[in-house]
All heavy atoms as atom14 arrays in JSON, in Angstrom:
{
  "sequence": "ADSVKGRFTISRDNAKNTVYLQANILKPEDTAVYLCAARSA",
  "atom14_mask": [
    [1, 1, 1, 1, 1, 0, 0, 0, 0, 0, 0, 0, 0, 0],
    [1, 1, 1, 1, 1, 1, 1, 1, 0, 0, 0, 0, 0, 0],
    [1, 1, 1, 1, 1, 1, 0, 0, 0, 0, 0, 0, 0, 0],
    [1, 1, 1, 1, 1, 1, 1, 0, 0, 0, 0, 0, 0, 0],
    [1, 1, 1, 1, 1, 1, 1, 1, 1, 0, 0, 0, 0, 0],
    [1, 1, 1, 1, 0, 0, 0, 0, 0, 0, 0, 0, 0, 0],
    [1, 1, 1, 1, 1, 1, 1, 1, 1, 1, 1, 0, 0, 0],
    [1, 1, 1, 1, 1, 1, 1, 1, 1, 1, 1, 0, 0, 0],
    [1, 1, 1, 1, 1, 1, 1, 0, 0, 0, 0, 0, 0, 0],
    [1, 1, 1, 1, 1, 1, 1, 1, 0, 0, 0, 0, 0, 0],
    [1, 1, 1, 1, 1, 1, 0, 0, 0, 0, 0, 0, 0, 0],
    [1, 1, 1, 1, 1, 1, 1, 1, 1, 1, 1, 0, 0, 0],
    [1, 1, 1, 1, 1, 1, 1, 1, 0, 0, 0, 0, 0, 0],
    [1, 1, 1, 1, 1, 1, 1, 1, 0, 0, 0, 0, 0, 0],
    [1, 1, 1, 1, 1, 0, 0, 0, 0, 0, 0, 0, 0, 0],
    [1, 1, 1, 1, 1, 1, 1, 1, 1, 0, 0, 0, 0, 0],
    [1, 1, 1, 1, 1, 1, 1, 1, 0, 0, 0, 0, 0, 0],
    [1, 1, 1, 1, 1, 1, 1, 0, 0, 0, 0, 0, 0, 0],
    [1, 1, 1, 1, 1, 1, 1, 0, 0, 0, 0, 0, 0, 0],
    [1, 1, 1, 1, 1, 1, 1, 1, 1, 1, 1, 1, 0, 0],
    [1, 1, 1, 1, 1, 1, 1, 1, 0, 0, 0, 0, 0, 0],
    [1, 1, 1, 1, 1, 1, 1, 1, 1, 0, 0, 0, 0, 0],
    [1, 1, 1, 1, 1, 0, 0, 0, 0, 0, 0, 0, 0, 0],
    [1, 1, 1, 1, 1, 1, 1, 1, 0, 0, 0, 0, 0, 0],
    [1, 1, 1, 1, 1, 1, 1, 1, 0, 0, 0, 0, 0, 0],
    [1, 1, 1, 1, 1, 1, 1, 1, 0, 0, 0, 0, 0, 0],
    [1, 1, 1, 1, 1, 1, 1, 1, 1, 0, 0, 0, 0, 0],
    [1, 1, 1, 1, 1, 1, 1, 0, 0, 0, 0, 0, 0, 0],
    [1, 1, 1, 1, 1, 1, 1, 1, 1, 0, 0, 0, 0, 0],
    [1, 1, 1, 1, 1, 1, 1, 1, 0, 0, 0, 0, 0, 0],
    [1, 1, 1, 1, 1, 1, 1, 0, 0, 0, 0, 0, 0, 0],
    [1, 1, 1, 1, 1, 0, 0, 0, 0, 0, 0, 0, 0, 0],
    [1, 1, 1, 1, 1, 1, 1, 0, 0, 0, 0, 0, 0, 0],
    [1, 1, 1, 1, 1, 1, 1, 1, 1, 1, 1, 1, 0, 0],
    [1, 1, 1, 1, 1, 1, 1, 1, 0, 0, 0, 0, 0, 0],
    [1, 1, 1, 1, 1, 1, 0, 0, 0, 0, 0, 0, 0, 0],
    [1, 1, 1, 1, 1, 0, 0, 0, 0, 0, 0, 0, 0, 0],
    [1, 1, 1, 1, 1, 0, 0, 0, 0, 0, 0, 0, 0, 0],
    [1, 1, 1, 1, 1, 1, 1, 1, 1, 1, 1, 0, 0, 0],
    [1, 1, 1, 1, 1, 1, 0, 0, 0, 0, 0, 0, 0, 0],
    [1, 1, 1, 1, 1, 0, 0, 0, 0, 0, 0, 0, 0, 0]
  ],
  "atom14_positions": [
    [[0.84, -1.18, 0.0], [0.0, 0.0, 0.0], [0.88, 1.24, 0.0], [1.97, 1.25, 0.58], [-0.91, 0.01, 1.23], [0.0, 0.0, 0.0], [0.0, 0.0, 0.0], [0.0, 0.0, 0.0], [0.0, 0.0, 0.0], [0.0, 0.0, 0.0], [0.0, 0.0, 0.0], [0.0, 0.0, 0.0], [0.0, 0.0, 0.0], [0.0, 0.0, 0.0]],
    [[0.4, 2.28, -0.66], [1.19, 3.51, -0.73], [1.55, 4.05, 0.66], [2.62, 4.63, 0.85], [0.42, 4.59, -1.5], [0.37, 4.31, -2.99], [1.18, 3.51, -3.49], [-0.49, 4.91, -3.67], [0.0, 0.0, 0.0], [0.0, 0.0, 0.0], [0.0, 0.0, 0.0], [0.0, 0.0, 0.0], [0.0, 0.0, 0.0], [0.0, 0.0, 0.0]],
    [[0.67, 3.84, 1.61], [0.87, 4.38, 2.94], [2.05, 3.76, 3.68], [2.54, 4.35, 4.65], [-0.4, 4.22, 3.77], [-0.75, 2.86, 3.89], [0.0, 0.0, 0.0], [0.0, 0.0, 0.0], [0.0, 0.0, 0.0], [0.0, 0.0, 0.0], [0.0, 0.0, 0.0], [0.0, 0.0, 0.0], [0.0, 0.0, 0.0], [0.0, 0.0, 0.0]],
    [[2.51, 2.59, 3.24], [3.6, 1.91, 3.94], [4.83, 1.7, 3.08], [5.85, 1.2, 3.58], [3.14, 0.57, 4.53], [1.92, 0.75, 5.42], [2.86, -0.45, 3.42], [0.0, 0.0, 0.0], [0.0, 0.0, 0.0], [0.0, 0.0, 0.0], [0.0, 0.0, 0.0], [0.0, 0.0, 0.0], [0.0, 0.0, 0.0], [0.0, 0.0, 0.0]],
    [[4.78, 2.09, 1.82], [5.93, 1.9, 0.94], [7.16, 2.59, 1.51], [7.09, 3.73, 1.96], [5.63, 2.45, -0.45], [4.74, 1.57, -1.3], [4.52, 2.19, -2.68], [3.63, 1.32, -3.53], [3.36, 1.95, -4.84], [0.0, 0.0, 0.0], [0.0, 0.0, 0.0], [0.0, 0.0, 0.0], [0.0, 0.0, 0.0], [0.0, 0.0, 0.0]],
    [[8.26, 1.87, 1.48], [9.51, 2.4, 1.99], [9.69, 2.22, 3.48], [10.79, 2.45, 3.99], [0.0, 0.0, 0.0], [0.0, 0.0, 0.0], [0.0, 0.0, 0.0], [0.0, 0.0, 0.0], [0.0, 0.0, 0.0], [0.0, 0.0, 0.0], [0.0, 0.0, 0.0], [0.0, 0.0, 0.0], [0.0, 0.0, 0.0], [0.0, 0.0, 0.0]],
    [[8.63, 1.84, 4.18], [8.71, 1.65, 5.62], [8.5, 0.2, 6.04], [9.11, -0.26, 6.99], [7.67, 2.52, 6.33], [7.84, 4.01, 6.08], [6.91, 4.82, 6.98], [5.5, 4.55, 6.7], [4.65, 4.06, 7.6], [5.05, 3.79, 8.83], [3.38, 3.85, 7.27], [0.0, 0.0, 0.0], [0.0, 0.0, 0.0], [0.0, 0.0, 0.0]],
    [[7.64, -0.5, 5.33], [7.31, -1.88, 5.66], [7.89, -2.82, 4.62], [7.99, -2.48, 3.44], [5.79, -2.08, 5.69], [5.07, -1.44, 6.85], [5.66, -0.46, 7.63], [3.78, -1.83, 7.14], [4.98, 0.13, 8.68], [3.08, -1.25, 8.19], [3.69, -0.28, 8.96], [0.0, 0.0, 0.0], [0.0, 0.0, 0.0], [0.0, 0.0, 0.0]],
    [[8.24, -4.03, 5.06], [8.73, -5.07, 4.17], [8.06, -6.38, 4.51], [8.07, -6.81, 5.66], [10.25, -5.23, 4.29], [10.9, -4.0, 3.99], [10.74, -6.3, 3.3], [0.0, 0.0, 0.0], [0.0, 0.0, 0.0], [0.0, 0.0, 0.0], [0.0, 0.0, 0.0], [0.0, 0.0, 0.0], [0.0, 0.0, 0.0], [0.0, 0.0, 0.0]],
    [[7.47, -7.01, 3.5], [6.89, -8.33, 3.67], [7.86, -9.36, 3.15], [8.53, -9.14, 2.13], [5.51, -8.44, 2.98], [4.84, -9.77, 3.32], [5.63, -8.25, 1.47], [3.38, -9.85, 2.84], [0.0, 0.0, 0.0], [0.0, 0.0, 0.0], [0.0, 0.0, 0.0], [0.0, 0.0, 0.0], [0.0, 0.0, 0.0], [0.0, 0.0, 0.0]],
    [[7.97, -10.47, 3.83], [8.84, -11.55, 3.39], [8.24, -12.87, 3.85], [7.35, -12.91, 4.69], [10.26, -11.38, 3.94], [10.27, -11.42, 5.35], [0.0, 0.0, 0.0], [0.0, 0.0, 0.0], [0.0, 0.0, 0.0], [0.0, 0.0, 0.0], [0.0, 0.0, 0.0], [0.0, 0.0, 0.0], [0.0, 0.0, 0.0], [0.0, 0.0, 0.0]],
    [[8.74, -13.94, 3.28], [8.25, -15.25, 3.66], [9.41, -16.22, 3.78], [10.41, -16.13, 3.06], [7.22, -15.77, 2.65], [7.76, -15.97, 1.24], [6.63, -16.22, 0.24], [5.9, -17.44, 0.52], [4.7, -17.72, 0.01], [4.09, -16.85, -0.78], [4.11, -18.87, 0.31], [0.0, 0.0, 0.0], [0.0, 0.0, 0.0], [0.0, 0.0, 0.0]],
    [[9.28, -17.14, 4.7], [10.24, -18.2, 4.89], [9.46, -19.51, 4.77], [8.81, -19.94, 5.71], [10.93, -18.09, 6.25], [12.04, -19.1, 6.43], [12.05, -20.13, 5.73], [12.92, -18.87, 7.29], [0.0, 0.0, 0.0], [0.0, 0.0, 0.0], [0.0, 0.0, 0.0], [0.0, 0.0, 0.0], [0.0, 0.0, 0.0], [0.0, 0.0, 0.0]],
    [[9.53, -20.1, 3.59], [8.73, -21.29, 3.35], [9.17, -22.47, 4.21], [8.36, -23.33, 4.56], [8.8, -21.66, 1.87], [8.07, -20.67, 0.99], [7.2, -19.94, 1.45], [8.43, -20.64, -0.29], [0.0, 0.0, 0.0], [0.0, 0.0, 0.0], [0.0, 0.0, 0.0], [0.0, 0.0, 0.0], [0.0, 0.0, 0.0], [0.0, 0.0, 0.0]],
    [[10.45, -22.52, 4.55], [10.93, -23.6, 5.4], [10.32, -23.54, 6.79], [10.19, -24.56, 7.46], [12.46, -23.55, 5.49], [0.0, 0.0, 0.0], [0.0, 0.0, 0.0], [0.0, 0.0, 0.0], [0.0, 0.0, 0.0], [0.0, 0.0, 0.0], [0.0, 0.0, 0.0], [0.0, 0.0, 0.0], [0.0, 0.0, 0.0], [0.0, 0.0, 0.0]],
    [[9.97, -22.34, 7.23], [9.38, -22.15, 8.55], [7.87, -21.94, 8.5], [7.24, -21.72, 9.53], [10.03, -20.96, 9.26], [11.5, -21.14, 9.55], [12.04, -19.95, 10.32], [13.53, -20.12, 10.61], [13.78, -21.26, 11.51], [0.0, 0.0, 0.0], [0.0, 0.0, 0.0], [0.0, 0.0, 0.0], [0.0, 0.0, 0.0], [0.0, 0.0, 0.0]],
    [[7.3, -21.99, 7.3], [5.87, -21.73, 7.13], [5.46, -20.43, 7.81], [4.45, -20.35, 8.52], [5.04, -22.89, 7.68], [5.04, -24.1, 6.78], [5.72, -24.14, 5.75], [4.26, -25.11, 7.15], [0.0, 0.0, 0.0], [0.0, 0.0, 0.0], [0.0, 0.0, 0.0], [0.0, 0.0, 0.0], [0.0, 0.0, 0.0], [0.0, 0.0, 0.0]],
    [[6.24, -19.4, 7.56], [6.03, -18.13, 8.25], [6.14, -16.97, 7.27], [7.01, -16.96, 6.4], [7.05, -17.94, 9.38], [6.92, -19.02, 10.31], [6.82, -16.63, 10.11], [0.0, 0.0, 0.0], [0.0, 0.0, 0.0], [0.0, 0.0, 0.0], [0.0, 0.0, 0.0], [0.0, 0.0, 0.0], [0.0, 0.0, 0.0], [0.0, 0.0, 0.0]],
    [[5.25, -16.01, 7.42], [5.33, -14.76, 6.7], [5.57, -13.65, 7.71], [5.01, -13.67, 8.81], [4.07, -14.51, 5.84], [2.81, -14.47, 6.7], [4.22, -13.24, 5.02], [0.0, 0.0, 0.0], [0.0, 0.0, 0.0], [0.0, 0.0, 0.0], [0.0, 0.0, 0.0], [0.0, 0.0, 0.0], [0.0, 0.0, 0.0], [0.0, 0.0, 0.0]],
    [[6.41, -12.68, 7.34], [6.8, -11.61, 8.23], [6.38, -10.26, 7.67], [6.26, -10.08, 6.46], [8.31, -11.59, 8.43], [8.89, -12.87, 8.95], [9.41, -13.82, 8.09], [8.92, -13.13, 10.31], [9.95, -15.0, 8.56], [9.46, -14.31, 10.8], [9.97, -15.24, 9.93], [10.51, -16.41, 10.41], [0.0, 0.0, 0.0], [0.0, 0.0, 0.0]],
    [[6.21, -9.34, 8.55], [6.06, -7.94, 8.17], [6.97, -7.12, 9.06], [6.72, -6.99, 10.26], [4.61, -7.46, 8.33], [4.34, -6.04, 7.83], [4.43, -5.98, 6.31], [2.98, -5.54, 8.3], [0.0, 0.0, 0.0], [0.0, 0.0, 0.0], [0.0, 0.0, 0.0], [0.0, 0.0, 0.0], [0.0, 0.0, 0.0], [0.0, 0.0, 0.0]],
    [[8.04, -6.61, 8.48], [8.93, -5.7, 9.18], [8.38, -4.29, 9.02], [8.32, -3.78, 7.9], [10.35, -5.79, 8.63], [11.33, -4.82, 9.28], [11.57, -5.15, 10.74], [11.91, -6.28, 11.07], [11.38, -4.17, 11.61], [0.0, 0.0, 0.0], [0.0, 0.0, 0.0], [0.0, 0.0, 0.0], [0.0, 0.0, 0.0], [0.0, 0.0, 0.0]],
    [[7.97, -3.71, 10.1], [7.34, -2.4, 10.09], [8.28, -1.41, 10.74], [8.54, -1.49, 11.95], [6.0, -2.44, 10.81], [0.0, 0.0, 0.0], [0.0, 0.0, 0.0], [0.0, 0.0, 0.0], [0.0, 0.0, 0.0], [0.0, 0.0, 0.0], [0.0, 0.0, 0.0], [0.0, 0.0, 0.0], [0.0, 0.0, 0.0], [0.0, 0.0, 0.0]],
    [[8.78, -0.47, 9.95], [9.73, 0.53, 10.42], [9.12, 1.93, 10.34], [8.15, 2.16, 9.63], [11.01, 0.5, 9.59], [11.75, -0.81, 9.68], [11.76, -1.46, 10.73], [12.38, -1.21, 8.58], [0.0, 0.0, 0.0], [0.0, 0.0, 0.0], [0.0, 0.0, 0.0], [0.0, 0.0, 0.0], [0.0, 0.0, 0.0], [0.0, 0.0, 0.0]],
    [[9.75, 2.83, 11.04], [9.34, 4.24, 11.06], [7.83, 4.32, 11.29], [7.1, 4.98, 10.56], [9.75, 4.97, 9.76], [11.16, 4.55, 9.31], [9.73, 6.49, 9.97], [11.59, 5.13, 7.99], [0.0, 0.0, 0.0], [0.0, 0.0, 0.0], [0.0, 0.0, 0.0], [0.0, 0.0, 0.0], [0.0, 0.0, 0.0], [0.0, 0.0, 0.0]],
    [[7.4, 3.65, 12.3], [5.98, 3.56, 12.57], [5.39, 4.91, 12.93], [6.04, 5.74, 13.59], [5.71, 2.55, 13.69], [5.83, 1.09, 13.24], [6.05, 0.18, 14.43], [4.58, 0.67, 12.47], [0.0, 0.0, 0.0], [0.0, 0.0, 0.0], [0.0, 0.0, 0.0], [0.0, 0.0, 0.0], [0.0, 0.0, 0.0], [0.0, 0.0, 0.0]],
    [[4.17, 5.11, 12.5], [3.43, 6.34, 12.72], [2.17, 6.04, 13.51], [1.66, 4.93, 13.47], [3.05, 6.98, 11.38], [4.21, 7.23, 10.44], [3.71, 7.73, 9.09], [4.85, 7.97, 8.13], [4.36, 8.46, 6.82], [0.0, 0.0, 0.0], [0.0, 0.0, 0.0], [0.0, 0.0, 0.0], [0.0, 0.0, 0.0], [0.0, 0.0, 0.0]],
    [[1.63, 7.02, 14.21], [0.38, 6.78, 14.94], [-0.73, 6.24, 14.04], [-1.53, 5.42, 14.5], [0.03, 8.16, 15.5], [1.36, 8.82, 15.69], [2.19, 8.35, 14.53], [0.0, 0.0, 0.0], [0.0, 0.0, 0.0], [0.0, 0.0, 0.0], [0.0, 0.0, 0.0], [0.0, 0.0, 0.0], [0.0, 0.0, 0.0], [0.0, 0.0, 0.0]],
    [[-0.78, 6.66, 12.8], [-1.8, 6.18, 11.89], [-1.62, 4.72, 11.5], [-2.5, 4.14, 10.85], [-1.9, 7.05, 10.64], [-0.57, 7.26, 9.93], [0.09, 8.58, 10.29], [0.1, 8.92, 11.5], [0.59, 9.27, 9.39], [0.0, 0.0, 0.0], [0.0, 0.0, 0.0], [0.0, 0.0, 0.0], [0.0, 0.0, 0.0], [0.0, 0.0, 0.0]],
    [[-0.5, 4.11, 11.87], [-0.31, 2.68, 11.66], [-1.0, 1.85, 12.74], [-1.04, 0.62, 12.62], [1.18, 2.33, 11.64], [1.91, 2.92, 10.46], [1.36, 2.91, 9.34], [3.05, 3.39, 10.65], [0.0, 0.0, 0.0], [0.0, 0.0, 0.0], [0.0, 0.0, 0.0], [0.0, 0.0, 0.0], [0.0, 0.0, 0.0], [0.0, 0.0, 0.0]],
    [[-1.5, 2.49, 13.77], [-2.16, 1.77, 14.85], [-3.37, 1.01, 14.32], [-4.26, 1.58, 13.68], [-2.6, 2.75, 15.94], [-1.44, 3.34, 16.53], [-3.39, 2.03, 17.02], [0.0, 0.0, 0.0], [0.0, 0.0, 0.0], [0.0, 0.0, 0.0], [0.0, 0.0, 0.0], [0.0, 0.0, 0.0], [0.0, 0.0, 0.0], [0.0, 0.0, 0.0]],
    [[-3.39, -0.29, 14.56], [-4.45, -1.15, 14.06], [-4.21, -2.57, 14.53], [-3.13, -2.89, 15.05], [-4.5, -1.12, 12.53], [0.0, 0.0, 0.0], [0.0, 0.0, 0.0], [0.0, 0.0, 0.0], [0.0, 0.0, 0.0], [0.0, 0.0, 0.0], [0.0, 0.0, 0.0], [0.0, 0.0, 0.0], [0.0, 0.0, 0.0], [0.0, 0.0, 0.0]],
    [[-5.2, -3.4, 14.33], [-5.0, -4.83, 14.43], [-4.49, -5.31, 13.08], [-5.1, -5.05, 12.05], [-6.3, -5.56, 14.8], [-6.1, -7.08, 14.73], [-6.76, -5.16, 16.19], [0.0, 0.0, 0.0], [0.0, 0.0, 0.0], [0.0, 0.0, 0.0], [0.0, 0.0, 0.0], [0.0, 0.0, 0.0], [0.0, 0.0, 0.0], [0.0, 0.0, 0.0]],
    [[-3.37, -5.98, 13.1], [-2.77, -6.49, 11.88], [-3.09, -7.97, 11.74], [-2.88, -8.75, 12.68], [-1.25, -6.27, 11.9], [-0.88, -4.85, 11.6], [-1.15, -3.84, 12.51], [-0.28, -4.49, 10.39], [-0.84, -2.52, 12.24], [0.04, -3.18, 10.11], [-0.24, -2.19, 11.04], [0.08, -0.89, 10.75], [0.0, 0.0, 0.0], [0.0, 0.0, 0.0]],
    [[-3.59, -8.34, 10.58], [-4.0, -9.7, 10.31], [-3.25, -10.24, 9.12], [-3.06, -9.54, 8.13], [-5.51, -9.77, 10.03], [-6.45, -9.15, 11.06], [-6.95, -7.8, 10.58], [-7.6, -10.09, 11.34], [0.0, 0.0, 0.0], [0.0, 0.0, 0.0], [0.0, 0.0, 0.0], [0.0, 0.0, 0.0], [0.0, 0.0, 0.0], [0.0, 0.0, 0.0]],
    [[-2.84, -11.48, 9.22], [-2.28, -12.12, 8.04], [-3.33, -13.0, 7.4], [-4.28, -13.46, 8.04], [-1.0, -12.9, 8.36], [-1.22, -14.39, 9.34], [0.0, 0.0, 0.0], [0.0, 0.0, 0.0], [0.0, 0.0, 0.0], [0.0, 0.0, 0.0], [0.0, 0.0, 0.0], [0.0, 0.0, 0.0], [0.0, 0.0, 0.0], [0.0, 0.0, 0.0]],
    [[-3.15, -13.23, 6.12], [-4.11, -14.0, 5.35], [-3.37, -14.82, 4.3], [-2.27, -14.46, 3.87], [-5.13, -13.08, 4.67], [0.0, 0.0, 0.0], [0.0, 0.0, 0.0], [0.0, 0.0, 0.0], [0.0, 0.0, 0.0], [0.0, 0.0, 0.0], [0.0, 0.0, 0.0], [0.0, 0.0, 0.0], [0.0, 0.0, 0.0], [0.0, 0.0, 0.0]],
    [[-3.99, -15.9, 3.9], [-3.41, -16.79, 2.9], [-4.45, -17.14, 1.86], [-5.64, -17.27, 2.17], [-2.87, -18.05, 3.55], [0.0, 0.0, 0.0], [0.0, 0.0, 0.0], [0.0, 0.0, 0.0], [0.0, 0.0, 0.0], [0.0, 0.0, 0.0], [0.0, 0.0, 0.0], [0.0, 0.0, 0.0], [0.0, 0.0, 0.0], [0.0, 0.0, 0.0]],
    [[-3.99, -17.29, 0.63], [-4.86, -17.72, -0.44], [-4.22, -18.87, -1.18], [-3.04, -18.82, -1.52], [-5.2, -16.56, -1.39], [-4.01, -15.93, -2.1], [-4.38, -14.58, -2.72], [-5.48, -14.65, -3.66], [-5.35, -14.66, -5.0], [-4.15, -14.61, -5.56], [-6.43, -14.72, -5.76], [0.0, 0.0, 0.0], [0.0, 0.0, 0.0], [0.0, 0.0, 0.0]],
    [[-4.99, -19.91, -1.41], [-4.44, -21.09, -2.05], [-4.09, -20.87, -3.51], [-3.26, -21.59, -4.05], [-5.43, -22.26, -1.93], [-6.67, -21.95, -2.52], [0.0, 0.0, 0.0], [0.0, 0.0, 0.0], [0.0, 0.0, 0.0], [0.0, 0.0, 0.0], [0.0, 0.0, 0.0], [0.0, 0.0, 0.0], [0.0, 0.0, 0.0], [0.0, 0.0, 0.0]],
    [[-4.68, -19.86, -4.13], [-4.38, -19.57, -5.53], [-2.93, -19.15, -5.74], [-2.38, -19.36, -6.82], [-5.32, -18.49, -6.05], [0.0, 0.0, 0.0], [0.0, 0.0, 0.0], [0.0, 0.0, 0.0], [0.0, 0.0, 0.0], [0.0, 0.0, 0.0], [0.0, 0.0, 0.0], [0.0, 0.0, 0.0], [0.0, 0.0, 0.0], [0.0, 0.0, 0.0]]
  ]
}
């Protein structure tokens, strides 16, 4: 999303079955419940 470009990085480690979100330079407007989701497609 434009609002997080340059600040957040998504990555995945398939060996660990884990997806990450590195969130940097956090702003008050980033306050939220963060949910991960998966799609089989």
